[in-house]
């Protein structure tokens, strides 16, 4: 995955957070993703575009590939993004536990 220039996250069904989505985000890779592929995350980094129809997905993927070929790597600091996601999860768990007390 580290050698990829872009990741297509095209899941259309399923449950839970997908490992491939988590790995791509942690590595800071640019991606085009369906909403289903993004489930479980509170936000997406700027280098991830959501597209849920086949036409929109293909259009967005082609646009990102063109930008990358033109020299825009589109990578972000994935470790910082994932740290923010872990903190959001910890905060949500704490609120849930507090409400249950």
PDB file of N, CA and C in Angstrom:
ATOM      1  N   UNK A   1       0.820  -1.193   0.000  1.00  0.00           N
ATOM      2  CA  UNK A   1       0.000   0.000   0.000  1.00  0.00           C
ATOM      3  C   UNK A   1       0.868   1.264   0.000  1.00  0.00           C
ATOM      4  N   UNK A   2       2.007   1.199   0.670  1.00  0.00           N
ATOM      5  CA  UNK A   2       2.890   2.370   0.746  1.00  0.00           C
ATOM      6  C   UNK A   2       3.345   2.861  -0.619  1.00  0.00           C
ATOM      7  N   UNK A   3       3.430   1.970  -1.591  1.00  0.00           N
ATOM      8  CA  UNK A   3       3.912   2.362  -2.916  1.00  0.00           C
ATOM      9  C   UNK A   3       2.805   2.943  -3.796  1.00  0.00           C
ATOM     10  N   UNK A   4       1.570   2.919  -3.331  1.00  0.00           N
ATOM     11  CA  UNK A   4       0.456   3.451  -4.123  1.00  0.00           C
ATOM     12  C   UNK A   4       0.520   4.971  -4.187  1.00  0.00           C
ATOM     13  N   UNK A   5       0.067   5.512  -5.283  1.00  0.00           N
ATOM     14  CA  UNK A   5      -0.039   6.965  -5.400  1.00  0.00           C
ATOM     15  C   UNK A   5      -1.430   7.450  -5.016  1.00  0.00           C
ATOM     16  N   UNK A   6      -2.414   6.559  -5.153  1.00  0.00           N
ATOM     17  CA  UNK A   6      -3.798   6.858  -4.790  1.00  0.00           C
ATOM     18  C   UNK A   6      -4.490   5.540  -4.474  1.00  0.00           C
ATOM     19  N   UNK A   7      -5.531   5.611  -3.654  1.00  0.00           N
ATOM     20  CA  UNK A   7      -6.263   4.408  -3.272  1.00  0.00           C
ATOM     21  C   UNK A   7      -7.741   4.599  -3.624  1.00  0.00           C
ATOM     22  N   UNK A   8      -8.311   3.599  -4.268  1.00  0.00           N
ATOM     23  CA  UNK A   8      -9.743   3.584  -4.566  1.00  0.00           C
ATOM     24  C   UNK A   8     -10.431   2.732  -3.504  1.00  0.00           C
ATOM     25  N   UNK A   9     -11.253   3.362  -2.689  1.00  0.00           N
ATOM     26  CA  UNK A   9     -11.967   2.680  -1.604  1.00  0.00           C
ATOM     27  C   UNK A   9     -13.438   2.601  -2.003  1.00  0.00           C
ATOM     28  N   UNK A  10     -13.777   1.541  -2.698  1.00  0.00           N
ATOM     29  CA  UNK A  10     -15.078   1.476  -3.373  1.00  0.00           C
ATOM     30  C   UNK A  10     -16.088   0.528  -2.730  1.00  0.00           C
ATOM     31  N   UNK A  11     -16.032   0.339  -1.440  1.00  0.00           N
ATOM     32  CA  UNK A  11     -16.977  -0.558  -0.774  1.00  0.00           C
ATOM     33  C   UNK A  11     -18.403  -0.054  -0.925  1.00  0.00           C
ATOM     34  N   UNK A  12     -19.317  -0.996  -1.131  1.00  0.00           N
ATOM     35  CA  UNK A  12     -20.729  -0.647  -1.284  1.00  0.00           C
ATOM     36  C   UNK A  12     -21.601  -1.298  -0.220  1.00  0.00           C
ATOM     37  N   UNK A  13     -21.019  -2.192   0.582  1.00  0.00           N
ATOM     38  CA  UNK A  13     -21.778  -2.870   1.629  1.00  0.00           C
ATOM     39  C   UNK A  13     -20.818  -3.319   2.719  1.00  0.00           C
ATOM     40  N   UNK A  14     -21.367  -3.687   3.860  1.00  0.00           N
ATOM     41  CA  UNK A  14     -20.545  -4.186   4.949  1.00  0.00           C
ATOM     42  C   UNK A  14     -20.784  -3.406   6.222  1.00  0.00           C
ATOM     43  N   UNK A  15     -20.064  -3.807   7.265  1.00  0.00           N
ATOM     44  CA  UNK A  15     -20.196  -3.147   8.559  1.00  0.00           C
ATOM     45  C   UNK A  15     -18.818  -2.913   9.148  1.00  0.00           C
ATOM     46  N   UNK A  16     -18.738  -2.003  10.082  1.00  0.00           N
ATOM     47  CA  UNK A  16     -17.485  -1.744  10.780  1.00  0.00           C
ATOM     48  C   UNK A  16     -16.485  -0.952   9.964  1.00  0.00           C
ATOM     49  N   UNK A  17     -15.418  -0.580  10.614  1.00  0.00           N
ATOM     50  CA  UNK A  17     -14.338   0.153   9.965  1.00  0.00           C
ATOM     51  C   UNK A  17     -13.505  -0.823   9.142  1.00  0.00           C
ATOM     52  N   UNK A  18     -13.212  -0.457   7.914  1.00  0.00           N
ATOM     53  CA  UNK A  18     -12.444  -1.338   7.049  1.00  0.00           C
ATOM     54  C   UNK A  18     -10.952  -1.108   7.231  1.00  0.00           C
ATOM     55  N   UNK A  19     -10.218  -2.187   7.289  1.00  0.00           N
ATOM     56  CA  UNK A  19      -8.775  -2.109   7.473  1.00  0.00           C
ATOM     57  C   UNK A  19      -8.108  -1.325   6.346  1.00  0.00           C
ATOM     58  N   UNK A  20      -8.533  -1.547   5.101  1.00  0.00           N
ATOM     59  CA  UNK A  20      -7.893  -0.857   3.978  1.00  0.00           C
ATOM     60  C   UNK A  20      -8.098   0.655   4.074  1.00  0.00           C
ATOM     61  N   UNK A  21      -9.261   1.089   4.555  1.00  0.00           N
ATOM     62  CA  UNK A  21      -9.495   2.521   4.722  1.00  0.00           C
ATOM     63  C   UNK A  21      -8.596   3.067   5.821  1.00  0.00           C
ATOM     64  N   UNK A  22      -8.557   2.379   6.932  1.00  0.00           N
ATOM     65  CA  UNK A  22      -7.726   2.800   8.052  1.00  0.00           C
ATOM     66  C   UNK A  22      -6.252   2.885   7.658  1.00  0.00           C
ATOM     67  N   UNK A  23      -5.766   1.887   6.951  1.00  0.00           N
ATOM     68  CA  UNK A  23      -4.364   1.878   6.513  1.00  0.00           C
ATOM     69  C   UNK A  23      -4.069   3.027   5.562  1.00  0.00           C
ATOM     70  N   UNK A  24      -4.943   3.265   4.604  1.00  0.00           N
ATOM     71  CA  UNK A  24      -4.731   4.351   3.641  1.00  0.00           C
ATOM     72  C   UNK A  24      -4.685   5.700   4.347  1.00  0.00           C
ATOM     73  N   UNK A  25      -5.595   5.904   5.285  1.00  0.00           N
ATOM     74  CA  UNK A  25      -5.634   7.176   6.013  1.00  0.00           C
ATOM     75  C   UNK A  25      -4.413   7.344   6.903  1.00  0.00           C
ATOM     76  N   UNK A  26      -3.998   6.270   7.555  1.00  0.00           N
ATOM     77  CA  UNK A  26      -2.827   6.340   8.429  1.00  0.00           C
ATOM     78  C   UNK A  26      -1.551   6.652   7.640  1.00  0.00           C
ATOM     79  N   UNK A  27      -1.484   6.169   6.404  1.00  0.00           N
ATOM     80  CA  UNK A  27      -0.330   6.447   5.553  1.00  0.00           C
ATOM     81  C   UNK A  27      -0.412   7.810   4.877  1.00  0.00           C
ATOM     82  N   UNK A  28      -1.550   8.487   5.019  1.00  0.00           N
ATOM     83  CA  UNK A  28      -1.711   9.812   4.421  1.00  0.00           C
ATOM     84  C   UNK A  28      -1.918   9.775   2.919  1.00  0.00           C
ATOM     85  N   UNK A  29      -2.363   8.630   2.398  1.00  0.00           N
ATOM     86  CA  UNK A  29      -2.544   8.485   0.956  1.00  0.00           C
ATOM     87  C   UNK A  29      -3.810   9.184   0.474  1.00  0.00           C
ATOM     88  N   UNK A  30      -3.748   9.793  -0.708  1.00  0.00           N
ATOM     89  CA  UNK A  30      -4.968  10.342  -1.284  1.00  0.00           C
ATOM     90  C   UNK A  30      -5.893   9.202  -1.685  1.00  0.00           C
ATOM     91  N   UNK A  31      -7.199   9.462  -1.643  1.00  0.00           N
ATOM     92  CA  UNK A  31      -8.157   8.409  -1.962  1.00  0.00           C
ATOM     93  C   UNK A  31      -9.458   8.998  -2.474  1.00  0.00           C
ATOM     94  N   UNK A  32     -10.153   8.169  -3.215  1.00  0.00           N
ATOM     95  CA  UNK A  32     -11.552   8.409  -3.539  1.00  0.00           C
ATOM     96  C   UNK A  32     -12.288   7.275  -2.844  1.00  0.00           C
ATOM     97  N   UNK A  33     -13.332   7.617  -2.099  1.00  0.00           N
ATOM     98  CA  UNK A  33     -13.993   6.626  -1.253  1.00  0.00           C
ATOM     99  C   UNK A  33     -15.505   6.772  -1.282  1.00  0.00           C
ATOM    100  N   UNK A  34     -16.171   5.647  -1.173  1.00  0.00           N
ATOM    101  CA  UNK A  34     -17.617   5.677  -0.992  1.00  0.00           C
ATOM    102  C   UNK A  34     -17.907   6.004   0.470  1.00  0.00           C
ATOM    103  N   UNK A  35     -19.120   6.450   0.721  1.00  0.00           N
ATOM    104  CA  UNK A  35     -19.521   6.735   2.099  1.00  0.00           C
ATOM    105  C   UNK A  35     -19.399   5.487   2.963  1.00  0.00           C
ATOM    106  N   UNK A  36     -19.743   4.329   2.412  1.00  0.00           N
ATOM    107  CA  UNK A  36     -19.626   3.071   3.159  1.00  0.00           C
ATOM    108  C   UNK A  36     -18.176   2.817   3.558  1.00  0.00           C
ATOM    109  N   UNK A  37     -17.241   3.131   2.699  1.00  0.00           N
ATOM    110  CA  UNK A  37     -15.822   2.935   3.009  1.00  0.00           C
ATOM    111  C   UNK A  37     -15.346   3.837   4.144  1.00  0.00           C
ATOM    112  N   UNK A  38     -16.050   4.934   4.362  1.00  0.00           N
ATOM    113  CA  UNK A  38     -15.645   5.920   5.370  1.00  0.00           C
ATOM    114  C   UNK A  38     -16.342   5.733   6.714  1.00  0.00           C
ATOM    115  N   UNK A  39     -17.187   4.721   6.823  1.00  0.00           N
ATOM    116  CA  UNK A  39     -17.944   4.549   8.062  1.00  0.00           C
ATOM    117  C   UNK A  39     -16.999   4.322   9.242  1.00  0.00           C
ATOM    118  N   UNK A  40     -17.398   4.891  10.369  1.00  0.00           N
ATOM    119  CA  UNK A  40     -16.610   4.736  11.583  1.00  0.00           C
ATOM    120  C   UNK A  40     -15.631   5.870  11.825  1.00  0.00           C
ATOM    121  N   UNK A  41     -15.481   6.757  10.857  1.00  0.00           N
ATOM    122  CA  UNK A  41     -14.571   7.891  11.024  1.00  0.00           C
ATOM    123  C   UNK A  41     -15.399   9.156  11.243  1.00  0.00           C
ATOM    124  N   UNK A  42     -14.932  10.029  12.114  1.00  0.00           N
ATOM    125  CA  UNK A  42     -15.669  11.256  12.404  1.00  0.00           C
ATOM    126  C   UNK A  42     -15.493  12.298  11.315  1.00  0.00           C
ATOM    127  N   UNK A  43     -14.405  12.200  10.567  1.00  0.00           N
ATOM    128  CA  UNK A  43     -14.103  13.156   9.498  1.00  0.00           C
ATOM    129  C   UNK A  43     -13.144  12.482   8.520  1.00  0.00           C
ATOM    130  N   UNK A  44     -12.951  13.113   7.397  1.00  0.00           N
ATOM    131  CA  UNK A  44     -11.987  12.627   6.409  1.00  0.00           C
ATOM    132  C   UNK A  44     -10.967  13.726   6.150  1.00  0.00           C
ATOM    133  N   UNK A  45      -9.714  13.346   5.906  1.00  0.00           N
ATOM    134  CA  UNK A  45      -8.715  14.368   5.591  1.00  0.00           C
ATOM    135  C   UNK A  45      -9.005  15.005   4.228  1.00  0.00           C
ATOM    136  N   UNK A  46      -8.389  16.131   3.976  1.00  0.00           N
ATOM    137  CA  UNK A  46      -8.643  16.893   2.748  1.00  0.00           C
ATOM    138  C   UNK A  46      -8.275  16.131   1.478  1.00  0.00           C
ATOM    139  N   UNK A  47      -7.425  15.133   1.593  1.00  0.00           N
ATOM    140  CA  UNK A  47      -7.003  14.411   0.388  1.00  0.00           C
ATOM    141  C   UNK A  47      -7.888  13.191   0.098  1.00  0.00           C
ATOM    142  N   UNK A  48      -9.051  13.120   0.733  1.00  0.00           N
ATOM    143  CA  UNK A  48     -10.011  12.049   0.465  1.00  0.00           C
ATOM    144  C   UNK A  48     -11.285  12.683  -0.083  1.00  0.00           C
ATOM    145  N   UNK A  49     -11.736  12.178  -1.218  1.00  0.00           N
ATOM    146  CA  UNK A  49     -12.974  12.640  -1.840  1.00  0.00           C
ATOM    147  C   UNK A  49     -14.007  11.536  -1.742  1.00  0.00           C
ATOM    148  N   UNK A  50     -15.210  11.880  -1.334  1.00  0.00           N
ATOM    149  CA  UNK A  50     -16.301  10.899  -1.291  1.00  0.00           C
ATOM    150  C   UNK A  50     -17.080  10.946  -2.594  1.00  0.00           C
ATOM    151  N   UNK A  51     -17.413   9.766  -3.090  1.00  0.00           N
ATOM    152  CA  UNK A  51     -18.219   9.641  -4.303  1.00  0.00           C
ATOM    153  C   UNK A  51     -18.988   8.329  -4.222  1.00  0.00           C
ATOM    154  N   UNK A  52     -20.295   8.398  -4.365  1.00  0.00           N
ATOM    155  CA  UNK A  52     -21.118   7.205  -4.169  1.00  0.00           C
ATOM    156  C   UNK A  52     -21.737   6.614  -5.427  1.00  0.00           C
ATOM    157  N   UNK A  53     -21.670   7.314  -6.535  1.00  0.00           N
ATOM    158  CA  UNK A  53     -22.152   6.720  -7.785  1.00  0.00           C
ATOM    159  C   UNK A  53     -20.948   6.316  -8.620  1.00  0.00           C
ATOM    160  N   UNK A  54     -21.158   5.368  -9.496  1.00  0.00           N
ATOM    161  CA  UNK A  54     -20.048   4.900 -10.342  1.00  0.00           C
ATOM    162  C   UNK A  54     -19.481   6.045 -11.177  1.00  0.00           C
ATOM    163  N   UNK A  55     -20.361   6.865 -11.716  1.00  0.00           N
ATOM    164  CA  UNK A  55     -19.911   7.985 -12.543  1.00  0.00           C
ATOM    165  C   UNK A  55     -19.094   8.991 -11.740  1.00  0.00           C
ATOM    166  N   UNK A  56     -19.602   9.370 -10.580  1.00  0.00           N
ATOM    167  CA  UNK A  56     -18.888  10.329  -9.728  1.00  0.00           C
ATOM    168  C   UNK A  56     -17.557   9.751  -9.250  1.00  0.00           C
ATOM    169  N   UNK A  57     -17.562   8.471  -8.902  1.00  0.00           N
ATOM    170  CA  UNK A  57     -16.335   7.821  -8.436  1.00  0.00           C
ATOM    171  C   UNK A  57     -15.275   7.860  -9.527  1.00  0.00           C
ATOM    172  N   UNK A  58     -15.647   7.483 -10.747  1.00  0.00           N
ATOM    173  CA  UNK A  58     -14.697   7.476 -11.858  1.00  0.00           C
ATOM    174  C   UNK A  58     -14.193   8.885 -12.168  1.00  0.00           C
ATOM    175  N   UNK A  59     -15.080   9.855 -12.125  1.00  0.00           N
ATOM    176  CA  UNK A  59     -14.697  11.249 -12.399  1.00  0.00           C
ATOM    177  C   UNK A  59     -13.711  11.760 -11.359  1.00  0.00           C
ATOM    178  N   UNK A  60     -14.020  11.535 -10.086  1.00  0.00           N
ATOM    179  CA  UNK A  60     -13.143  12.004  -9.006  1.00  0.00           C
ATOM    180  C   UNK A  60     -11.794  11.287  -9.019  1.00  0.00           C
ATOM    181  N   UNK A  61     -11.818   9.998  -9.289  1.00  0.00           N
ATOM    182  CA  UNK A  61     -10.567   9.239  -9.349  1.00  0.00           C
ATOM    183  C   UNK A  61      -9.693   9.743 -10.493  1.00  0.00           C
ATOM    184  N   UNK A  62     -10.292   9.960 -11.643  1.00  0.00           N
ATOM    185  CA  UNK A  62      -9.536  10.468 -12.796  1.00  0.00           C
ATOM    186  C   UNK A  62      -8.952  11.849 -12.507  1.00  0.00           C
ATOM    187  N   UNK A  63      -9.717  12.692 -11.827  1.00  0.00           N
ATOM    188  CA  UNK A  63      -9.225  14.034 -11.494  1.00  0.00           C
ATOM    189  C   UNK A  63      -8.041  13.967 -10.533  1.00  0.00           C
ATOM    190  N   UNK A  64      -8.127  13.117  -9.540  1.00  0.00           N
ATOM    191  CA  UNK A  64      -6.999  12.985  -8.595  1.00  0.00           C
ATOM    192  C   UNK A  64      -5.770  12.389  -9.273  1.00  0.00           C
ATOM    193  N   UNK A  65      -5.967  11.398 -10.120  1.00  0.00           N
ATOM    194  CA  UNK A  65      -4.837  10.800 -10.840  1.00  0.00           C
ATOM    195  C   UNK A  65      -4.172  11.853 -11.727  1.00  0.00           C
ATOM    196  N   UNK A  66      -4.958  12.666 -12.406  1.00  0.00           N
ATOM    197  CA  UNK A  66      -4.395  13.720 -13.262  1.00  0.00           C
ATOM    198  C   UNK A  66      -3.565  14.707 -12.436  1.00  0.00           C
ATOM    199  N   UNK A  67      -4.077  15.083 -11.267  1.00  0.00           N
ATOM    200  CA  UNK A  67      -3.340  16.009 -10.403  1.00  0.00           C
ATOM    201  C   UNK A  67      -2.029  15.384  -9.920  1.00  0.00           C
ATOM    202  N   UNK A  68      -2.078  14.114  -9.581  1.00  0.00           N
ATOM    203  CA  UNK A  68      -0.869  13.425  -9.123  1.00  0.00           C
ATOM    204  C   UNK A  68       0.151  13.345 -10.249  1.00  0.00           C
ATOM    205  N   UNK A  69      -0.299  13.015 -11.444  1.00  0.00           N
ATOM    206  CA  UNK A  69       0.612  12.951 -12.604  1.00  0.00           C
ATOM    207  C   UNK A  69       1.215  14.305 -12.927  1.00  0.00           C
ATOM    208  N   UNK A  70       0.504  15.380 -12.573  1.00  0.00           N
ATOM    209  CA  UNK A  70       1.004  16.738 -12.801  1.00  0.00           C
ATOM    210  C   UNK A  70       1.974  17.187 -11.714  1.00  0.00           C
ATOM    211  N   UNK A  71       2.195  16.332 -10.718  1.00  0.00           N
ATOM    212  CA  UNK A  71       3.187  16.643  -9.691  1.00  0.00           C
ATOM    213  C   UNK A  71       2.656  16.895  -8.299  1.00  0.00           C
ATOM    214  N   UNK A  72       1.344  16.907  -8.108  1.00  0.00           N
ATOM    215  CA  UNK A  72       0.749  17.126  -6.792  1.00  0.00           C
ATOM    216  C   UNK A  72       0.618  15.774  -6.088  1.00  0.00           C
ATOM    217  N   UNK A  73       1.481  15.491  -5.135  1.00  0.00           N
ATOM    218  CA  UNK A  73       1.471  14.185  -4.456  1.00  0.00           C
ATOM    219  C   UNK A  73       0.215  13.944  -3.639  1.00  0.00           C
ATOM    220  N   UNK A  74      -0.393  15.009  -3.124  1.00  0.00           N
ATOM    221  CA  UNK A  74      -1.646  14.945  -2.376  1.00  0.00           C
ATOM    222  C   UNK A  74      -1.567  14.123  -1.097  1.00  0.00           C
ATOM    223  N   UNK A  75      -0.407  13.927  -0.574  1.00  0.00           N
ATOM    224  CA  UNK A  75      -0.292  13.180   0.692  1.00  0.00           C
ATOM    225  C   UNK A  75      -0.410  14.138   1.867  1.00  0.00           C
ATOM    226  N   UNK A  76      -0.930  13.626   2.961  1.00  0.00           N
ATOM    227  CA  UNK A  76      -1.060  14.403   4.195  1.00  0.00           C
ATOM    228  C   UNK A  76      -0.419  13.628   5.339  1.00  0.00           C
ATOM    229  N   UNK A  77      -0.347  14.261   6.486  1.00  0.00           N
ATOM    230  CA  UNK A  77       0.209  13.617   7.675  1.00  0.00           C
ATOM    231  C   UNK A  77      -0.836  12.671   8.262  1.00  0.00           C
ATOM    232  N   UNK A  78      -0.761  11.424   7.878  1.00  0.00           N
ATOM    233  CA  UNK A  78      -1.738  10.437   8.315  1.00  0.00           C
ATOM    234  C   UNK A  78      -1.677  10.144   9.801  1.00  0.00           C
ATOM    235  N   UNK A  79      -0.495  10.216  10.401  1.00  0.00           N
ATOM    236  CA  UNK A  79      -0.364   9.929  11.834  1.00  0.00           C
ATOM    237  C   UNK A  79      -1.143  10.952  12.661  1.00  0.00           C
ATOM    238  N   UNK A  80      -1.068  12.205  12.282  1.00  0.00           N
ATOM    239  CA  UNK A  80      -1.816  13.242  12.988  1.00  0.00           C
ATOM    240  C   UNK A  80      -3.315  13.018  12.830  1.00  0.00           C
ATOM    241  N   UNK A  81      -3.748  12.681  11.613  1.00  0.00           N
ATOM    242  CA  UNK A  81      -5.164  12.408  11.377  1.00  0.00           C
ATOM    243  C   UNK A  81      -5.652  11.267  12.255  1.00  0.00           C
ATOM    244  N   UNK A  82      -4.900  10.184  12.305  1.00  0.00           N
ATOM    245  CA  UNK A  82      -5.317   9.033  13.093  1.00  0.00           C
ATOM    246  C   UNK A  82      -5.301   9.348  14.588  1.00  0.00           C
ATOM    247  N   UNK A  83      -4.370  10.163  15.047  1.00  0.00           N
ATOM    248  CA  UNK A  83      -4.344  10.564  16.453  1.00  0.00           C
ATOM    249  C   UNK A  83      -5.614  11.345  16.805  1.00  0.00           C
ATOM    250  N   UNK A  84      -6.054  12.207  15.911  1.00  0.00           N
ATOM    251  CA  UNK A  84      -7.296  12.950  16.135  1.00  0.00           C
ATOM    252  C   UNK A  84      -8.497  12.002  16.161  1.00  0.00           C
ATOM    253  N   UNK A  85      -8.488  10.984  15.317  1.00  0.00           N
ATOM    254  CA  UNK A  85      -9.573  10.002  15.309  1.00  0.00           C
ATOM    255  C   UNK A  85      -9.596   9.207  16.612  1.00  0.00           C
ATOM    256  N   UNK A  86      -8.416   8.807  17.097  1.00  0.00           N
ATOM    257  CA  UNK A  86      -8.352   8.069  18.364  1.00  0.00           C
ATOM    258  C   UNK A  86      -8.851   8.933  19.518  1.00  0.00           C
ATOM    259  N   UNK A  87      -8.501  10.220  19.501  1.00  0.00           N
ATOM    260  CA  UNK A  87      -8.966  11.122  20.562  1.00  0.00           C
ATOM    261  C   UNK A  87     -10.475  11.293  20.493  1.00  0.00           C
ATOM    262  N   UNK A  88     -11.025  11.410  19.287  1.00  0.00           N
ATOM    263  CA  UNK A  88     -12.481  11.529  19.138  1.00  0.00           C
ATOM    264  C   UNK A  88     -13.175  10.277  19.666  1.00  0.00           C
ATOM    265  N   UNK A  89     -12.605   9.112  19.420  1.00  0.00           N
ATOM    266  CA  UNK A  89     -13.167   7.867  19.930  1.00  0.00           C
ATOM    267  C   UNK A  89     -13.116   7.835  21.453  1.00  0.00           C
ATOM    268  N   UNK A  90     -11.974   8.204  22.020  1.00  0.00           N
ATOM    269  CA  UNK A  90     -11.830   8.219  23.479  1.00  0.00           C
ATOM    270  C   UNK A  90     -12.827   9.185  24.111  1.00  0.00           C
ATOM    271  N   UNK A  91     -13.009  10.357  23.499  1.00  0.00           N
ATOM    272  CA  UNK A  91     -13.961  11.340  24.017  1.00  0.00           C
ATOM    273  C   UNK A  91     -15.393  10.793  23.965  1.00  0.00           C
ATOM    274  N   UNK A  92     -15.740  10.146  22.859  1.00  0.00           N
ATOM    275  CA  UNK A  92     -17.090   9.583  22.715  1.00  0.00           C
ATOM    276  C   UNK A  92     -17.324   8.472  23.735  1.00  0.00           C
ATOM    277  N   UNK A  93     -16.326   7.637  23.946  1.00  0.00           N
ATOM    278  CA  UNK A  93     -16.462   6.578  24.950  1.00  0.00           C
ATOM    279  C   UNK A  93     -16.641   7.162  26.349  1.00  0.00           C
ATOM    280  N   UNK A  94     -15.889   8.190  26.657  1.00  0.00           N
ATOM    281  CA  UNK A  94     -16.000   8.828  27.965  1.00  0.00           C
ATOM    282  C   UNK A  94     -17.390   9.439  28.160  1.00  0.00           C
ATOM    283  N   UNK A  95     -17.911  10.089  27.128  1.00  0.00           N
ATOM    284  CA  UNK A  95     -19.269  10.653  27.234  1.00  0.00           C
ATOM    285  C   UNK A  95     -20.295   9.531  27.426  1.00  0.00           C
ATOM    286  N   UNK A  96     -20.130   8.451  26.710  1.00  0.00           N
ATOM    287  CA  UNK A  96     -21.048   7.332  26.834  1.00  0.00           C
ATOM    288  C   UNK A  96     -21.005   6.710  28.218  1.00  0.00           C
ATOM    289  N   UNK A  97     -19.816   6.544  28.749  1.00  0.00           N
ATOM    290  CA  UNK A  97     -19.668   5.970  30.099  1.00  0.00           C
ATOM    291  C   UNK A  97     -20.240   6.919  31.163  1.00  0.00           C
ATOM    292  N   UNK A  98     -19.988   8.202  30.967  1.00  0.00           N
ATOM    293  CA  UNK A  98     -20.529   9.182  31.923  1.00  0.00           C
ATOM    294  C   UNK A  98     -22.056   9.174  31.918  1.00  0.00           C
ATOM    295  N   UNK A  99     -22.635   9.047  30.745  1.00  0.00           N
ATOM    296  CA  UNK A  99     -24.100   9.019  30.646  1.00  0.00           C
ATOM    297  C   UNK A  99     -24.677   7.746  31.255  1.00  0.00           C
ATOM    298  N   UNK A 100     -23.923   6.665  31.243  1.00  0.00           N
ATOM    299  CA  UNK A 100     -24.405   5.384  31.777  1.00  0.00           C
ATOM    300  C   UNK A 100     -24.304   5.317  33.302  1.00  0.00           C
ATOM    301  N   UNK A 101     -23.546   6.213  33.887  1.00  0.00           N
ATOM    302  CA  UNK A 101     -23.345   6.178  35.352  1.00  0.00           C
ATOM    303  C   UNK A 101     -24.522   6.652  36.114  1.00  0.00           C
TER     304      UNK A 101
END
